[in-house]
C-alpha atoms as a PDB file:
ATOM      1  CA  MET A   1       0.024   0.119   0.183  1.00  0.00           C
ATOM      2  CA  ALA A   2       1.194   3.513  -0.919  1.00  0.00           C
ATOM      3  CA  MET A   3      -0.137   6.607   0.750  1.00  0.00           C
ATOM      4  CA  LEU A   4      -0.131  10.157   0.075  1.00  0.00           C
ATOM      5  CA  ARG A   5      -0.881  12.863   2.895  1.00  0.00           C
ATOM      6  CA  VAL A   6      -1.435  16.715   1.923  1.00  0.00           C
ATOM      7  CA  SER A   7      -2.260  19.232   4.574  1.00  0.00           C
ATOM      8  CA  LEU A   8      -4.088  22.108   3.245  1.00  0.00           C
ATOM      9  CA  ALA A   9      -5.232  25.561   4.484  1.00  0.00           C
ATOM     10  CA  ASN A  10      -8.960  26.228   4.128  1.00  0.00           C
ATOM     11  CA  LEU A  11      -8.494  28.439   0.933  1.00  0.00           C
ATOM     12  CA  LEU A  12      -9.954  27.467  -2.672  1.00  0.00           C
ATOM     13  CA  GLY A  13      -6.539  28.062  -4.165  1.00  0.00           C
ATOM     14  CA  GLU A  14      -5.084  25.059  -2.186  1.00  0.00           C
ATOM     15  CA  ILE A  15      -7.311  22.730  -4.484  1.00  0.00           C
ATOM     16  CA  ARG A  16      -4.717  23.331  -7.379  1.00  0.00           C
ATOM     17  CA  ARG A  17      -1.943  22.193  -5.291  1.00  0.00           C
ATOM     18  CA  VAL A  18      -3.596  19.031  -3.798  1.00  0.00           C
ATOM     19  CA  ASN A  19      -4.698  17.961  -7.141  1.00  0.00           C
ATOM     20  CA  ALA A  20      -1.450  18.439  -8.568  1.00  0.00           C
ATOM     21  CA  ALA A  21       0.394  16.385  -5.748  1.00  0.00           C
ATOM     22  CA  VAL A  22      -2.451  13.575  -6.176  1.00  0.00           C
ATOM     23  CA  GLY A  23      -2.198  13.592  -9.907  1.00  0.00           C
ATOM     24  CA  GLU A  24       1.558  12.924  -9.504  1.00  0.00           C
ATOM     25  CA  PHE A  25       1.449  10.386  -6.845  1.00  0.00           C
ATOM     26  CA  LEU A  26      -1.361   8.343  -8.714  1.00  0.00           C
ATOM     27  CA  SER A  27       0.463   8.206 -11.806  1.00  0.00           C
ATOM     28  CA  GLU A  28       3.769   7.178 -10.202  1.00  0.00           C
ATOM     29  CA  GLU A  29       1.740   4.322  -8.792  1.00  0.00           C
ATOM     30  CA  GLY A  30       0.292   3.479 -12.177  1.00  0.00           C
ATOM     31  CA  VAL A  31      -3.211   4.120 -11.637  1.00  0.00           C
ATOM     32  CA  PRO A  32      -5.129   4.828 -15.102  1.00  0.00           C
ATOM     33  CA  ASP A  33      -5.306   8.349 -16.348  1.00  0.00           C
ATOM     34  CA  ARG A  34      -9.108   8.234 -16.335  1.00  0.00           C
ATOM     35  CA  THR A  35      -9.115   7.088 -12.739  1.00  0.00           C
ATOM     36  CA  VAL A  36      -6.769   9.870 -11.724  1.00  0.00           C
ATOM     37  CA  HIS A  37      -9.009  12.433 -13.396  1.00  0.00           C
ATOM     38  CA  HIS A  38     -11.754  11.012 -11.424  1.00  0.00           C
ATOM     39  CA  VAL A  39     -10.158  11.040  -8.125  1.00  0.00           C
ATOM     40  CA  ARG A  40      -9.270  14.680  -8.626  1.00  0.00           C
ATOM     41  CA  LEU A  41     -12.769  15.563  -9.631  1.00  0.00           C
ATOM     42  CA  VAL A  42     -13.879  13.722  -6.289  1.00  0.00           C
ATOM     43  CA  ILE A  43     -11.091  15.777  -4.218  1.00  0.00           C
ATOM     44  CA  GLU A  44     -11.958  19.049  -5.884  1.00  0.00           C
ATOM     45  CA  GLU A  45     -15.590  18.635  -4.835  1.00  0.00           C
ATOM     46  CA  LEU A  46     -14.807  17.489  -1.187  1.00  0.00           C
ATOM     47  CA  VAL A  47     -12.468  20.314  -0.542  1.00  0.00           C
ATOM     48  CA  SER A  48     -14.331  23.048  -2.208  1.00  0.00           C
ATOM     49  CA  ASN A  49     -17.211  22.107  -0.110  1.00  0.00           C
ATOM     50  CA  VAL A  50     -15.291  22.172   3.251  1.00  0.00           C
ATOM     51  CA  VAL A  51     -13.818  25.408   2.190  1.00  0.00           C
ATOM     52  CA  ARG A  52     -17.429  27.068   1.647  1.00  0.00           C
ATOM     53  CA  TYR A  53     -19.504  25.337   4.108  1.00  0.00           C
ATOM     54  CA  ALA A  54     -17.848  23.873   7.051  1.00  0.00           C
ATOM     55  CA  TYR A  55     -16.752  27.031   8.902  1.00  0.00           C
ATOM     56  CA  ASP A  56     -18.791  29.945  10.392  1.00  0.00           C
ATOM     57  CA  ASP A  57     -15.956  32.293   9.985  1.00  0.00           C
ATOM     58  CA  SER A  58     -12.734  32.777   7.741  1.00  0.00           C
ATOM     59  CA  GLY A  59     -10.290  31.825  10.336  1.00  0.00           C
ATOM     60  CA  PRO A  60      -7.278  29.780   9.574  1.00  0.00           C
ATOM     61  CA  TYR A  61      -8.355  25.894   9.415  1.00  0.00           C
ATOM     62  CA  ARG A  62      -6.481  22.644   8.349  1.00  0.00           C
ATOM     63  CA  ILE A  63      -7.696  20.156   5.565  1.00  0.00           C
ATOM     64  CA  GLU A  64      -6.036  16.792   5.589  1.00  0.00           C
ATOM     65  CA  VAL A  65      -6.329  14.774   2.500  1.00  0.00           C
ATOM     66  CA  ASP A  66      -5.122  11.235   2.318  1.00  0.00           C
ATOM     67  CA  VAL A  67      -4.891   9.123  -0.989  1.00  0.00           C
ATOM     68  CA  ARG A  68      -4.032   5.502  -0.826  1.00  0.00           C
ATOM     69  CA  THR A  69      -3.604   2.984  -3.439  1.00  0.00           C
ATOM     70  CA  GLU A  70      -3.684  -0.866  -2.636  1.00  0.00           C
ATOM     71  CA  GLY A  71      -3.753  -3.025  -5.794  1.00  0.00           C
ATOM     72  CA  ARG A  72      -6.453  -1.778  -8.048  1.00  0.00           C
ATOM     73  CA  TRP A  73      -8.119   0.433  -5.256  1.00  0.00           C
ATOM     74  CA  VAL A  74      -7.759   4.064  -4.652  1.00  0.00           C
ATOM     75  CA  ALA A  75      -9.216   5.284  -1.315  1.00  0.00           C
ATOM     76  CA  VAL A  76      -9.457   8.925  -0.488  1.00  0.00           C
ATOM     77  CA  THR A  77     -10.060  10.399   3.032  1.00  0.00           C
ATOM     78  CA  VAL A  78     -10.512  14.025   3.818  1.00  0.00           C
ATOM     79  CA  GLU A  79     -10.593  15.371   7.365  1.00  0.00           C
ATOM     80  CA  ASP A  80     -11.364  18.801   8.765  1.00  0.00           C
ATOM     81  CA  SER A  81     -12.647  20.461  11.973  1.00  0.00           C
ATOM     82  CA  GLY A  82     -15.681  21.935  10.271  1.00  0.00           C
ATOM     83  CA  ARG A  83     -19.416  21.525  11.261  1.00  0.00           C
ATOM     84  CA  PRO A  84     -20.678  18.360  10.173  1.00  0.00           C
ATOM     85  CA  PHE A  85     -22.721  17.823   7.162  1.00  0.00           C
ATOM     86  CA  ASN A  86     -25.818  15.555   6.927  1.00  0.00           C
ATOM     87  CA  PRO A  87     -27.544  15.737   3.697  1.00  0.00           C
ATOM     88  CA  ASN A  88     -30.699  14.423   5.334  1.00  0.00           C
ATOM     89  CA  ASP A  89     -30.958  17.809   7.623  1.00  0.00           C
END
C-alpha cells in the first residue's frame, strides 16, 4: 500500500496544489489516467465544499487529504474540523 498525505489551508486556491500532488502520486503508482481524473474531481468537490460550508468564519483551518492505493483500489479520506454535514437535515 502506498499513501500520500497533503495538509491544506482552508482556501480554494489550495485545490490546485492538492490535485497536482495527487495526480503525480497516482500516476507514479500506475493508476490509469481516467481514474486519476475522477479522483481529482472528487477531491476538488470535497475540499471546495469544506472551504465554502464547513466553517462559520474565515479563520485559518487545516484540511487533511489522504490518498491510498492498494492493488487496483484508490481510497480518499478528507478530514477537517468544520461543522458536520448531513444531507438528510
